[in-house]
Amino acid sequence: MVLMELSKILITETSDHQIIVLKEKDGQRSFPIVIGINEAWAIDRAVKGITTPRPLTHDLIHNVIEGLNAGVVKVVINDLKNNTFYAKIVLQGNSALVEIDSRPSDAIALAMQKNTPIFVEKKVLEEVCGSGDNL
């Protein structure tokens, strides 16, 4: 797995499709992911530390996880099929790790709330960016 960081959030209010860009933490490779407007706003709010008077969906999910005495350990973009990315949210419960299927946008929105590490499987990164050996 390769550690990534959120590099850009591109929000266009006149479009249903928004873009986030993930970049290797210790490298040069980066790639875009097309997401929905609600997820883009959730990620943007988390990055900017903006709170809302009442919890929105990603806040609710985070509150439920904490309420169950668990935490988000990491998110992993683990597959790419037919131009669609897949992800897992890895939770640490009492004594067990639990992997939850997720859209990357939702996983990243949760990750940004608590500065949780974002990883991409090497095979996915190589498929969208190349191996990086020639950089």
N, C-alpha and C. Protein backbone atom coordinates (compact mmCIF):
# COMPACT_ATOMS: atom_id res chain seq x y z
N MET A 1 0.84 -1.19 0.00
CA MET A 1 0.00 0.00 0.00
C MET A 1 0.88 1.24 0.00
N VAL A 2 0.34 2.29 -0.60
CA VAL A 2 1.07 3.55 -0.72
C VAL A 2 0.29 4.63 0.03
N LEU A 3 0.99 5.34 0.91
CA LEU A 3 0.38 6.43 1.67
C LEU A 3 0.13 7.62 0.75
N MET A 4 -1.09 8.15 0.82
CA MET A 4 -1.49 9.26 -0.04
C MET A 4 -1.91 10.45 0.82
N GLU A 5 -2.07 11.59 0.15
CA GLU A 5 -2.63 12.76 0.81
C GLU A 5 -3.56 13.46 -0.16
N LEU A 6 -4.54 14.16 0.40
CA LEU A 6 -5.45 14.94 -0.43
C LEU A 6 -4.69 16.14 -0.95
N SER A 7 -4.60 16.26 -2.26
CA SER A 7 -3.85 17.34 -2.87
C SER A 7 -4.73 18.50 -3.29
N LYS A 8 -5.91 18.19 -3.84
CA LYS A 8 -6.81 19.23 -4.34
C LYS A 8 -8.25 18.78 -4.18
N ILE A 9 -9.12 19.78 -4.02
CA ILE A 9 -10.57 19.58 -4.11
C ILE A 9 -11.05 20.60 -5.14
N LEU A 10 -11.64 20.12 -6.21
CA LEU A 10 -12.15 21.00 -7.25
C LEU A 10 -13.67 20.93 -7.24
N ILE A 11 -14.30 22.00 -6.75
CA ILE A 11 -15.76 22.04 -6.64
C ILE A 11 -16.30 23.02 -7.68
N THR A 12 -17.19 22.51 -8.51
CA THR A 12 -17.88 23.33 -9.50
C THR A 12 -19.37 23.20 -9.24
N GLU A 13 -19.97 24.24 -8.72
CA GLU A 13 -21.36 24.16 -8.30
C GLU A 13 -22.33 23.92 -9.45
N THR A 14 -21.92 24.16 -10.67
CA THR A 14 -22.80 23.97 -11.82
C THR A 14 -22.72 22.55 -12.39
N SER A 15 -21.96 21.69 -11.74
CA SER A 15 -21.79 20.32 -12.22
C SER A 15 -22.13 19.33 -11.13
N ASP A 16 -22.62 18.15 -11.53
CA ASP A 16 -22.87 17.07 -10.57
C ASP A 16 -21.60 16.35 -10.20
N HIS A 17 -20.55 16.54 -10.98
CA HIS A 17 -19.29 15.82 -10.78
C HIS A 17 -18.22 16.77 -10.27
N GLN A 18 -17.67 16.40 -9.12
CA GLN A 18 -16.58 17.17 -8.50
C GLN A 18 -15.33 16.30 -8.57
N ILE A 19 -14.18 16.90 -8.32
CA ILE A 19 -12.93 16.14 -8.43
C ILE A 19 -12.08 16.37 -7.19
N ILE A 20 -11.56 15.26 -6.66
CA ILE A 20 -10.51 15.35 -5.66
C ILE A 20 -9.27 14.72 -6.28
N VAL A 21 -8.12 15.19 -5.87
CA VAL A 21 -6.86 14.64 -6.37
C VAL A 21 -6.07 14.11 -5.18
N LEU A 22 -5.68 12.85 -5.28
CA LEU A 22 -4.81 12.25 -4.28
C LEU A 22 -3.40 12.20 -4.82
N LYS A 23 -2.42 12.48 -3.95
CA LYS A 23 -1.01 12.49 -4.33
C LYS A 23 -0.24 11.62 -3.35
N GLU A 24 0.77 10.93 -3.89
CA GLU A 24 1.66 10.15 -3.01
C GLU A 24 2.26 11.06 -1.95
N LYS A 25 2.26 10.62 -0.72
CA LYS A 25 2.84 11.42 0.37
C LYS A 25 4.34 11.61 0.16
N ASP A 26 5.03 10.56 -0.26
CA ASP A 26 6.48 10.64 -0.46
C ASP A 26 6.85 10.36 -1.91
N GLY A 27 6.09 10.91 -2.83
CA GLY A 27 6.35 10.65 -4.24
C GLY A 27 5.70 11.71 -5.11
N GLN A 28 5.70 11.44 -6.40
CA GLN A 28 5.21 12.41 -7.37
C GLN A 28 3.88 12.03 -8.01
N ARG A 29 3.50 10.76 -7.91
CA ARG A 29 2.30 10.32 -8.61
C ARG A 29 1.03 10.87 -7.95
N SER A 30 0.08 11.21 -8.79
CA SER A 30 -1.22 11.67 -8.30
C SER A 30 -2.28 11.27 -9.30
N PHE A 31 -3.52 11.25 -8.85
CA PHE A 31 -4.62 10.92 -9.75
C PHE A 31 -5.92 11.52 -9.22
N PRO A 32 -6.85 11.81 -10.15
CA PRO A 32 -8.13 12.38 -9.75
C PRO A 32 -9.18 11.28 -9.51
N ILE A 33 -10.15 11.62 -8.67
CA ILE A 33 -11.33 10.78 -8.47
C ILE A 33 -12.54 11.70 -8.60
N VAL A 34 -13.47 11.31 -9.44
CA VAL A 34 -14.71 12.07 -9.60
C VAL A 34 -15.66 11.66 -8.49
N ILE A 35 -16.22 12.67 -7.80
CA ILE A 35 -17.12 12.41 -6.68
C ILE A 35 -18.35 13.30 -6.81
N GLY A 36 -19.32 13.09 -5.94
CA GLY A 36 -20.53 13.90 -5.93
C GLY A 36 -20.34 15.19 -5.14
N ILE A 37 -21.27 16.11 -5.34
CA ILE A 37 -21.18 17.43 -4.69
C ILE A 37 -21.28 17.31 -3.17
N ASN A 38 -22.16 16.44 -2.65
CA ASN A 38 -22.29 16.34 -1.19
C ASN A 38 -21.01 15.84 -0.54
N GLU A 39 -20.37 14.87 -1.16
CA GLU A 39 -19.12 14.34 -0.62
C GLU A 39 -18.01 15.39 -0.73
N ALA A 40 -18.01 16.14 -1.84
CA ALA A 40 -17.00 17.20 -2.00
C ALA A 40 -17.15 18.26 -0.91
N TRP A 41 -18.39 18.65 -0.63
CA TRP A 41 -18.61 19.64 0.43
C TRP A 41 -18.21 19.08 1.79
N ALA A 42 -18.49 17.79 2.04
CA ALA A 42 -18.12 17.17 3.31
C ALA A 42 -16.60 17.16 3.48
N ILE A 43 -15.88 16.81 2.42
CA ILE A 43 -14.41 16.80 2.47
C ILE A 43 -13.89 18.22 2.68
N ASP A 44 -14.44 19.17 1.94
CA ASP A 44 -14.01 20.56 2.05
C ASP A 44 -14.26 21.10 3.46
N ARG A 45 -15.42 20.81 4.03
CA ARG A 45 -15.70 21.26 5.40
C ARG A 45 -14.72 20.66 6.40
N ALA A 46 -14.42 19.37 6.22
CA ALA A 46 -13.48 18.72 7.14
C ALA A 46 -12.09 19.34 7.04
N VAL A 47 -11.64 19.58 5.82
CA VAL A 47 -10.31 20.18 5.61
C VAL A 47 -10.23 21.56 6.24
N LYS A 48 -11.31 22.33 6.12
CA LYS A 48 -11.32 23.70 6.63
C LYS A 48 -11.75 23.79 8.10
N GLY A 49 -12.13 22.65 8.69
CA GLY A 49 -12.54 22.66 10.10
C GLY A 49 -13.87 23.34 10.33
N ILE A 50 -14.73 23.36 9.34
CA ILE A 50 -16.04 24.01 9.46
C ILE A 50 -17.02 23.04 10.09
N THR A 51 -17.67 23.49 11.16
CA THR A 51 -18.67 22.65 11.80
C THR A 51 -20.06 23.15 11.42
N THR A 52 -21.03 22.25 11.56
CA THR A 52 -22.41 22.61 11.28
C THR A 52 -23.20 22.52 12.59
N PRO A 53 -24.32 23.23 12.67
CA PRO A 53 -25.09 23.22 13.93
C PRO A 53 -25.58 21.82 14.31
N ARG A 54 -25.85 21.00 13.33
CA ARG A 54 -26.29 19.62 13.58
C ARG A 54 -25.45 18.70 12.71
N PRO A 55 -25.26 17.44 13.13
CA PRO A 55 -24.39 16.55 12.35
C PRO A 55 -24.99 16.23 10.98
N LEU A 56 -24.14 16.32 9.96
CA LEU A 56 -24.51 15.87 8.63
C LEU A 56 -24.13 14.40 8.52
N THR A 57 -24.38 13.79 7.37
CA THR A 57 -24.23 12.34 7.22
C THR A 57 -22.86 11.83 7.65
N HIS A 58 -21.78 12.43 7.17
CA HIS A 58 -20.44 11.93 7.52
C HIS A 58 -20.12 12.17 9.00
N ASP A 59 -20.66 13.27 9.54
CA ASP A 59 -20.50 13.51 10.98
C ASP A 59 -21.24 12.43 11.77
N LEU A 60 -22.45 12.09 11.32
CA LEU A 60 -23.24 11.07 11.98
C LEU A 60 -22.50 9.73 11.98
N ILE A 61 -21.96 9.36 10.82
CA ILE A 61 -21.23 8.09 10.73
C ILE A 61 -20.05 8.09 11.71
N HIS A 62 -19.32 9.19 11.74
CA HIS A 62 -18.19 9.29 12.66
C HIS A 62 -18.66 9.19 14.11
N ASN A 63 -19.77 9.86 14.44
CA ASN A 63 -20.30 9.81 15.80
C ASN A 63 -20.75 8.40 16.18
N VAL A 64 -21.34 7.67 15.24
CA VAL A 64 -21.76 6.29 15.50
C VAL A 64 -20.53 5.42 15.77
N ILE A 65 -19.49 5.58 14.96
CA ILE A 65 -18.27 4.79 15.15
C ILE A 65 -17.68 5.07 16.53
N GLU A 66 -17.56 6.34 16.90
CA GLU A 66 -17.03 6.68 18.22
C GLU A 66 -17.95 6.21 19.34
N GLY A 67 -19.26 6.29 19.11
CA GLY A 67 -20.22 5.85 20.11
C GLY A 67 -20.13 4.36 20.39
N LEU A 68 -19.62 3.61 19.43
CA LEU A 68 -19.41 2.17 19.60
C LEU A 68 -18.00 1.86 20.12
N ASN A 69 -17.32 2.89 20.60
CA ASN A 69 -15.95 2.76 21.12
C ASN A 69 -14.99 2.20 20.08
N ALA A 70 -15.14 2.68 18.87
CA ALA A 70 -14.24 2.28 17.79
C ALA A 70 -13.66 3.54 17.17
N GLY A 71 -12.75 3.35 16.25
CA GLY A 71 -12.15 4.47 15.55
C GLY A 71 -11.75 4.06 14.15
N VAL A 72 -11.65 5.04 13.27
CA VAL A 72 -11.19 4.78 11.92
C VAL A 72 -9.67 4.78 11.93
N VAL A 73 -9.07 3.63 11.58
CA VAL A 73 -7.62 3.47 11.59
C VAL A 73 -7.01 3.98 10.29
N LYS A 74 -7.66 3.65 9.18
CA LYS A 74 -7.18 4.07 7.87
C LYS A 74 -8.27 3.82 6.86
N VAL A 75 -8.12 4.45 5.71
CA VAL A 75 -8.97 4.12 4.56
C VAL A 75 -8.05 3.66 3.45
N VAL A 76 -8.55 2.72 2.66
CA VAL A 76 -7.74 2.13 1.60
C VAL A 76 -8.55 2.10 0.31
N ILE A 77 -8.03 2.72 -0.71
CA ILE A 77 -8.62 2.56 -2.04
C ILE A 77 -7.99 1.29 -2.58
N ASN A 78 -8.82 0.26 -2.69
CA ASN A 78 -8.27 -1.07 -2.89
C ASN A 78 -8.55 -1.69 -4.25
N ASP A 79 -9.35 -1.03 -5.09
CA ASP A 79 -9.62 -1.64 -6.39
C ASP A 79 -10.10 -0.59 -7.38
N LEU A 80 -9.99 -0.95 -8.65
CA LEU A 80 -10.47 -0.12 -9.75
C LEU A 80 -11.04 -1.07 -10.79
N LYS A 81 -12.35 -0.96 -11.01
CA LYS A 81 -13.02 -1.81 -11.99
C LYS A 81 -13.91 -0.95 -12.87
N ASN A 82 -13.74 -1.07 -14.18
CA ASN A 82 -14.56 -0.31 -15.13
C ASN A 82 -14.58 1.18 -14.80
N ASN A 83 -13.42 1.74 -14.51
CA ASN A 83 -13.25 3.16 -14.19
C ASN A 83 -13.94 3.58 -12.90
N THR A 84 -14.24 2.64 -12.02
CA THR A 84 -14.85 2.94 -10.73
C THR A 84 -13.90 2.49 -9.63
N PHE A 85 -13.57 3.43 -8.73
CA PHE A 85 -12.71 3.10 -7.60
C PHE A 85 -13.54 2.48 -6.47
N TYR A 86 -12.90 1.58 -5.72
CA TYR A 86 -13.51 0.95 -4.56
C TYR A 86 -12.62 1.20 -3.36
N ALA A 87 -13.24 1.25 -2.18
CA ALA A 87 -12.47 1.55 -0.98
C ALA A 87 -12.98 0.74 0.21
N LYS A 88 -12.17 0.73 1.24
CA LYS A 88 -12.52 0.12 2.52
C LYS A 88 -12.19 1.13 3.62
N ILE A 89 -13.05 1.16 4.61
CA ILE A 89 -12.79 1.91 5.83
C ILE A 89 -12.37 0.86 6.86
N VAL A 90 -11.20 1.03 7.45
CA VAL A 90 -10.70 0.06 8.43
C VAL A 90 -10.92 0.65 9.82
N LEU A 91 -11.75 -0.06 10.60
CA LEU A 91 -12.09 0.36 11.95
C LEU A 91 -11.37 -0.51 12.96
N GLN A 92 -11.00 0.09 14.09
CA GLN A 92 -10.45 -0.66 15.22
C GLN A 92 -11.51 -0.65 16.30
N GLY A 93 -12.05 -1.82 16.60
CA GLY A 93 -13.00 -1.98 17.69
C GLY A 93 -12.27 -2.44 18.91
N ASN A 94 -12.99 -2.96 19.86
CA ASN A 94 -12.39 -3.40 21.13
C ASN A 94 -11.09 -4.16 20.92
N SER A 95 -11.14 -5.24 20.18
CA SER A 95 -9.91 -5.99 19.96
C SER A 95 -9.79 -6.47 18.52
N ALA A 96 -10.62 -5.95 17.65
CA ALA A 96 -10.62 -6.45 16.28
C ALA A 96 -10.59 -5.32 15.26
N LEU A 97 -9.95 -5.60 14.13
CA LEU A 97 -10.03 -4.70 12.99
C LEU A 97 -11.21 -5.15 12.14
N VAL A 98 -11.97 -4.19 11.67
CA VAL A 98 -13.13 -4.47 10.83
C VAL A 98 -13.00 -3.63 9.57
N GLU A 99 -13.18 -4.28 8.40
CA GLU A 99 -13.13 -3.58 7.13
C GLU A 99 -14.54 -3.41 6.60
N ILE A 100 -14.89 -2.17 6.25
CA ILE A 100 -16.22 -1.84 5.75
C ILE A 100 -16.08 -1.36 4.30
N ASP A 101 -16.85 -1.95 3.38
CA ASP A 101 -16.85 -1.47 2.00
C ASP A 101 -17.39 -0.05 1.96
N SER A 102 -16.80 0.75 1.07
CA SER A 102 -17.18 2.15 0.99
C SER A 102 -16.87 2.72 -0.38
N ARG A 103 -17.54 3.79 -0.72
CA ARG A 103 -17.10 4.58 -1.86
C ARG A 103 -15.88 5.36 -1.40
N PRO A 104 -14.91 5.58 -2.26
CA PRO A 104 -13.74 6.36 -1.84
C PRO A 104 -14.10 7.74 -1.30
N SER A 105 -15.07 8.40 -1.89
CA SER A 105 -15.44 9.74 -1.44
C SER A 105 -15.93 9.74 0.01
N ASP A 106 -16.74 8.75 0.37
CA ASP A 106 -17.22 8.67 1.76
C ASP A 106 -16.08 8.32 2.71
N ALA A 107 -15.23 7.39 2.30
CA ALA A 107 -14.08 7.01 3.13
C ALA A 107 -13.16 8.21 3.35
N ILE A 108 -12.89 8.97 2.30
CA ILE A 108 -12.01 10.13 2.41
C ILE A 108 -12.65 11.22 3.26
N ALA A 109 -13.97 11.41 3.13
CA ALA A 109 -14.66 12.39 3.97
C ALA A 109 -14.49 12.03 5.45
N LEU A 110 -14.62 10.75 5.79
CA LEU A 110 -14.39 10.33 7.18
C LEU A 110 -12.93 10.52 7.58
N ALA A 111 -12.03 10.16 6.69
CA ALA A 111 -10.59 10.28 6.99
C ALA A 111 -10.19 11.72 7.27
N MET A 112 -10.76 12.66 6.53
CA MET A 112 -10.36 14.06 6.68
C MET A 112 -10.84 14.65 8.01
N GLN A 113 -11.87 14.06 8.61
CA GLN A 113 -12.37 14.58 9.89
C GLN A 113 -11.34 14.44 11.02
N LYS A 114 -10.56 13.38 10.98
CA LYS A 114 -9.61 13.12 12.07
C LYS A 114 -8.19 12.91 11.58
N ASN A 115 -7.89 13.40 10.37
CA ASN A 115 -6.55 13.27 9.82
C ASN A 115 -6.09 11.81 9.77
N THR A 116 -6.99 10.95 9.33
CA THR A 116 -6.74 9.51 9.24
C THR A 116 -5.97 9.21 7.96
N PRO A 117 -5.00 8.31 8.00
CA PRO A 117 -4.22 8.00 6.80
C PRO A 117 -5.07 7.42 5.67
N ILE A 118 -4.72 7.83 4.46
CA ILE A 118 -5.37 7.35 3.24
C ILE A 118 -4.32 6.56 2.46
N PHE A 119 -4.65 5.33 2.13
CA PHE A 119 -3.75 4.47 1.36
C PHE A 119 -4.40 4.07 0.05
N VAL A 120 -3.55 3.77 -0.93
CA VAL A 120 -4.00 3.19 -2.19
C VAL A 120 -3.17 1.94 -2.43
N GLU A 121 -3.85 0.86 -2.78
CA GLU A 121 -3.13 -0.37 -3.12
C GLU A 121 -2.20 -0.09 -4.30
N LYS A 122 -1.01 -0.68 -4.27
CA LYS A 122 -0.02 -0.46 -5.33
C LYS A 122 -0.58 -0.77 -6.71
N LYS A 123 -1.34 -1.85 -6.83
CA LYS A 123 -1.89 -2.24 -8.14
C LYS A 123 -2.82 -1.16 -8.69
N VAL A 124 -3.58 -0.50 -7.83
CA VAL A 124 -4.48 0.57 -8.27
C VAL A 124 -3.67 1.78 -8.69
N LEU A 125 -2.68 2.17 -7.88
CA LEU A 125 -1.85 3.32 -8.21
C LEU A 125 -1.10 3.09 -9.52
N GLU A 126 -0.59 1.90 -9.71
CA GLU A 126 0.14 1.59 -10.95
C GLU A 126 -0.80 1.60 -12.15
N GLU A 127 -2.04 1.19 -11.96
CA GLU A 127 -2.99 1.20 -13.08
C GLU A 127 -3.34 2.61 -13.51
N VAL A 128 -3.49 3.54 -12.55
CA VAL A 128 -3.88 4.90 -12.91
C VAL A 128 -2.70 5.83 -13.19
N CYS A 129 -1.51 5.49 -12.67
CA CYS A 129 -0.36 6.39 -12.80
C CYS A 129 0.88 5.77 -13.42
N GLY A 130 0.95 4.49 -13.51
CA GLY A 130 2.19 3.83 -13.91
C GLY A 130 2.99 3.47 -12.66
N SER A 131 4.10 2.80 -12.86
CA SER A 131 4.88 2.28 -11.73
C SER A 131 5.63 3.35 -10.96
N GLY A 132 5.94 4.44 -11.60
CA GLY A 132 6.71 5.48 -10.92
C GLY A 132 8.19 5.21 -10.90
N ASP A 133 8.63 4.08 -11.46
CA ASP A 133 10.05 3.74 -11.43
C ASP A 133 10.90 4.65 -12.30
N ASN A 134 10.25 5.29 -13.27
CA ASN A 134 11.02 6.11 -14.20
C ASN A 134 10.97 7.60 -13.84
N LEU A 135 10.52 7.93 -12.63
CA LEU A 135 10.46 9.34 -12.23
C LEU A 135 11.78 9.82 -11.68
